[in-house]
């Protein structure tokens, strides 16, 4: 990835990222997870946006998926009531 491509991507997602170019690379702060990384110019040249983004979230960008009566669904879009039902649900273990 070119340095300018990275800057353009970070600028286009300014609600999620802050960045500063110094110390031989770019410091990137992910606002959502409050994580900070330093990507050197060599690392930027070797990697694509998805790899740099994955480093910036620190493994925290995970969808919670649940299975209810045979259907899988992503929990992120649920309201507070539905999340409460999920927490209160009986959980059994299969041996």
C-alpha atoms as a PDB file:
ATOM      1  CA  UNK A   1       0.000   0.000   0.000  1.00  0.00           C
ATOM      2  CA  UNK A   2       1.266   3.467  -0.797  1.00  0.00           C
ATOM      3  CA  UNK A   3       1.626   5.974   2.044  1.00  0.00           C
ATOM      4  CA  UNK A   4      -0.815   8.379   0.389  1.00  0.00           C
ATOM      5  CA  UNK A   5      -3.386   5.566   0.028  1.00  0.00           C
ATOM      6  CA  UNK A   6      -3.153   4.927   3.769  1.00  0.00           C
ATOM      7  CA  UNK A   7      -3.533   8.614   4.585  1.00  0.00           C
ATOM      8  CA  UNK A   8      -6.551   8.877   2.263  1.00  0.00           C
ATOM      9  CA  UNK A   9      -8.167   5.814   3.862  1.00  0.00           C
ATOM     10  CA  UNK A  10      -7.588   7.111   7.386  1.00  0.00           C
ATOM     11  CA  UNK A  11      -8.890  10.560   6.426  1.00  0.00           C
ATOM     12  CA  UNK A  12     -12.025   9.047   4.872  1.00  0.00           C
ATOM     13  CA  UNK A  13     -12.652   7.169   8.135  1.00  0.00           C
ATOM     14  CA  UNK A  14     -11.837  10.068  10.462  1.00  0.00           C
ATOM     15  CA  UNK A  15     -14.772   9.159  12.733  1.00  0.00           C
ATOM     16  CA  UNK A  16     -12.862   5.972  13.600  1.00  0.00           C
ATOM     17  CA  UNK A  17      -9.179   6.904  13.225  1.00  0.00           C
ATOM     18  CA  UNK A  18      -6.647   9.578  14.096  1.00  0.00           C
ATOM     19  CA  UNK A  19      -3.158   9.512  12.627  1.00  0.00           C
ATOM     20  CA  UNK A  20       0.120  11.352  12.851  1.00  0.00           C
ATOM     21  CA  UNK A  21       3.172  10.932  10.644  1.00  0.00           C
ATOM     22  CA  UNK A  22       6.423  10.856  12.641  1.00  0.00           C
ATOM     23  CA  UNK A  23       9.332   8.634  13.776  1.00  0.00           C
ATOM     24  CA  UNK A  24       9.768   6.947  10.396  1.00  0.00           C
ATOM     25  CA  UNK A  25       6.144   5.937   9.988  1.00  0.00           C
ATOM     26  CA  UNK A  26       2.558   6.675  10.916  1.00  0.00           C
ATOM     27  CA  UNK A  27       0.996   6.493  14.375  1.00  0.00           C
ATOM     28  CA  UNK A  28      -2.599   5.290  14.052  1.00  0.00           C
ATOM     29  CA  UNK A  29      -5.178   5.515  16.846  1.00  0.00           C
ATOM     30  CA  UNK A  30      -8.394   3.549  16.592  1.00  0.00           C
ATOM     31  CA  UNK A  31     -10.952   5.709  18.429  1.00  0.00           C
ATOM     32  CA  UNK A  32     -13.501   2.910  18.891  1.00  0.00           C
ATOM     33  CA  UNK A  33     -11.114   0.583  20.723  1.00  0.00           C
ATOM     34  CA  UNK A  34      -8.647   3.229  21.921  1.00  0.00           C
ATOM     35  CA  UNK A  35      -5.721   1.274  20.516  1.00  0.00           C
ATOM     36  CA  UNK A  36      -2.569   2.800  19.061  1.00  0.00           C
ATOM     37  CA  UNK A  37      -0.055   1.340  16.616  1.00  0.00           C
ATOM     38  CA  UNK A  38       3.011   2.628  14.814  1.00  0.00           C
ATOM     39  CA  UNK A  39       3.246   1.474  11.190  1.00  0.00           C
ATOM     40  CA  UNK A  40       6.692   2.003   9.693  1.00  0.00           C
ATOM     41  CA  UNK A  41       7.009   3.060   6.070  1.00  0.00           C
ATOM     42  CA  UNK A  42       8.326  -0.433   5.224  1.00  0.00           C
ATOM     43  CA  UNK A  43       5.320  -2.095   6.884  1.00  0.00           C
ATOM     44  CA  UNK A  44       2.916   0.211   5.042  1.00  0.00           C
ATOM     45  CA  UNK A  45       4.576  -0.670   1.732  1.00  0.00           C
ATOM     46  CA  UNK A  46       4.324  -4.426   2.436  1.00  0.00           C
ATOM     47  CA  UNK A  47       0.729  -4.615   3.691  1.00  0.00           C
ATOM     48  CA  UNK A  48      -2.783  -3.796   2.523  1.00  0.00           C
ATOM     49  CA  UNK A  49      -5.391  -1.790   4.435  1.00  0.00           C
ATOM     50  CA  UNK A  50      -7.114  -4.871   5.920  1.00  0.00           C
ATOM     51  CA  UNK A  51      -3.884  -6.007   7.583  1.00  0.00           C
ATOM     52  CA  UNK A  52      -3.139  -2.570   9.018  1.00  0.00           C
ATOM     53  CA  UNK A  53      -6.755  -2.219  10.190  1.00  0.00           C
ATOM     54  CA  UNK A  54      -6.605  -5.649  11.879  1.00  0.00           C
ATOM     55  CA  UNK A  55      -3.523  -4.539  13.813  1.00  0.00           C
ATOM     56  CA  UNK A  56      -5.234  -1.307  14.862  1.00  0.00           C
ATOM     57  CA  UNK A  57      -8.208  -3.077  16.464  1.00  0.00           C
ATOM     58  CA  UNK A  58      -6.004  -5.416  18.466  1.00  0.00           C
ATOM     59  CA  UNK A  59      -8.216  -8.459  17.836  1.00  0.00           C
ATOM     60  CA  UNK A  60     -11.288  -6.792  19.340  1.00  0.00           C
ATOM     61  CA  UNK A  61     -13.400  -6.402  16.192  1.00  0.00           C
ATOM     62  CA  UNK A  62     -15.392  -9.601  16.725  1.00  0.00           C
ATOM     63  CA  UNK A  63     -19.040 -10.282  15.950  1.00  0.00           C
ATOM     64  CA  UNK A  64     -21.037 -12.078  18.645  1.00  0.00           C
ATOM     65  CA  UNK A  65     -23.118 -14.729  16.919  1.00  0.00           C
ATOM     66  CA  UNK A  66     -25.827 -16.778  18.610  1.00  0.00           C
ATOM     67  CA  UNK A  67     -27.881 -19.776  17.558  1.00  0.00           C
ATOM     68  CA  UNK A  68     -31.542 -19.852  18.528  1.00  0.00           C
ATOM     69  CA  UNK A  69     -33.786 -22.698  17.329  1.00  0.00           C
ATOM     70  CA  UNK A  70     -31.466 -23.564  14.498  1.00  0.00           C
ATOM     71  CA  UNK A  71     -30.819 -20.070  13.144  1.00  0.00           C
ATOM     72  CA  UNK A  72     -27.606 -18.099  13.442  1.00  0.00           C
ATOM     73  CA  UNK A  73     -27.794 -14.338  13.925  1.00  0.00           C
ATOM     74  CA  UNK A  74     -25.370 -11.479  14.646  1.00  0.00           C
ATOM     75  CA  UNK A  75     -26.141  -9.896  18.014  1.00  0.00           C
ATOM     76  CA  UNK A  76     -24.739  -6.398  17.311  1.00  0.00           C
ATOM     77  CA  UNK A  77     -28.045  -5.057  15.945  1.00  0.00           C
ATOM     78  CA  UNK A  78     -30.139  -6.180  18.912  1.00  0.00           C
ATOM     79  CA  UNK A  79     -31.791  -3.728  21.308  1.00  0.00           C
ATOM     80  CA  UNK A  80     -31.267  -3.718  25.108  1.00  0.00           C
ATOM     81  CA  UNK A  81     -34.281  -5.970  25.770  1.00  0.00           C
ATOM     82  CA  UNK A  82     -33.154  -8.648  23.364  1.00  0.00           C
ATOM     83  CA  UNK A  83     -29.590  -8.517  24.751  1.00  0.00           C
ATOM     84  CA  UNK A  84     -31.065  -8.987  28.246  1.00  0.00           C
ATOM     85  CA  UNK A  85     -32.972 -12.057  27.054  1.00  0.00           C
ATOM     86  CA  UNK A  86     -29.734 -13.458  25.653  1.00  0.00           C
ATOM     87  CA  UNK A  87     -27.971 -13.003  29.012  1.00  0.00           C
ATOM     88  CA  UNK A  88     -30.841 -14.651  30.917  1.00  0.00           C
ATOM     89  CA  UNK A  89     -31.144 -17.607  28.551  1.00  0.00           C
ATOM     90  CA  UNK A  90     -30.509 -21.088  29.942  1.00  0.00           C
ATOM     91  CA  UNK A  91     -27.241 -22.496  28.650  1.00  0.00           C
ATOM     92  CA  UNK A  92     -26.548 -26.205  28.621  1.00  0.00           C
ATOM     93  CA  UNK A  93     -23.422 -28.104  27.735  1.00  0.00           C
ATOM     94  CA  UNK A  94     -23.207 -31.056  25.401  1.00  0.00           C
ATOM     95  CA  UNK A  95     -21.000 -33.873  26.627  1.00  0.00           C
END
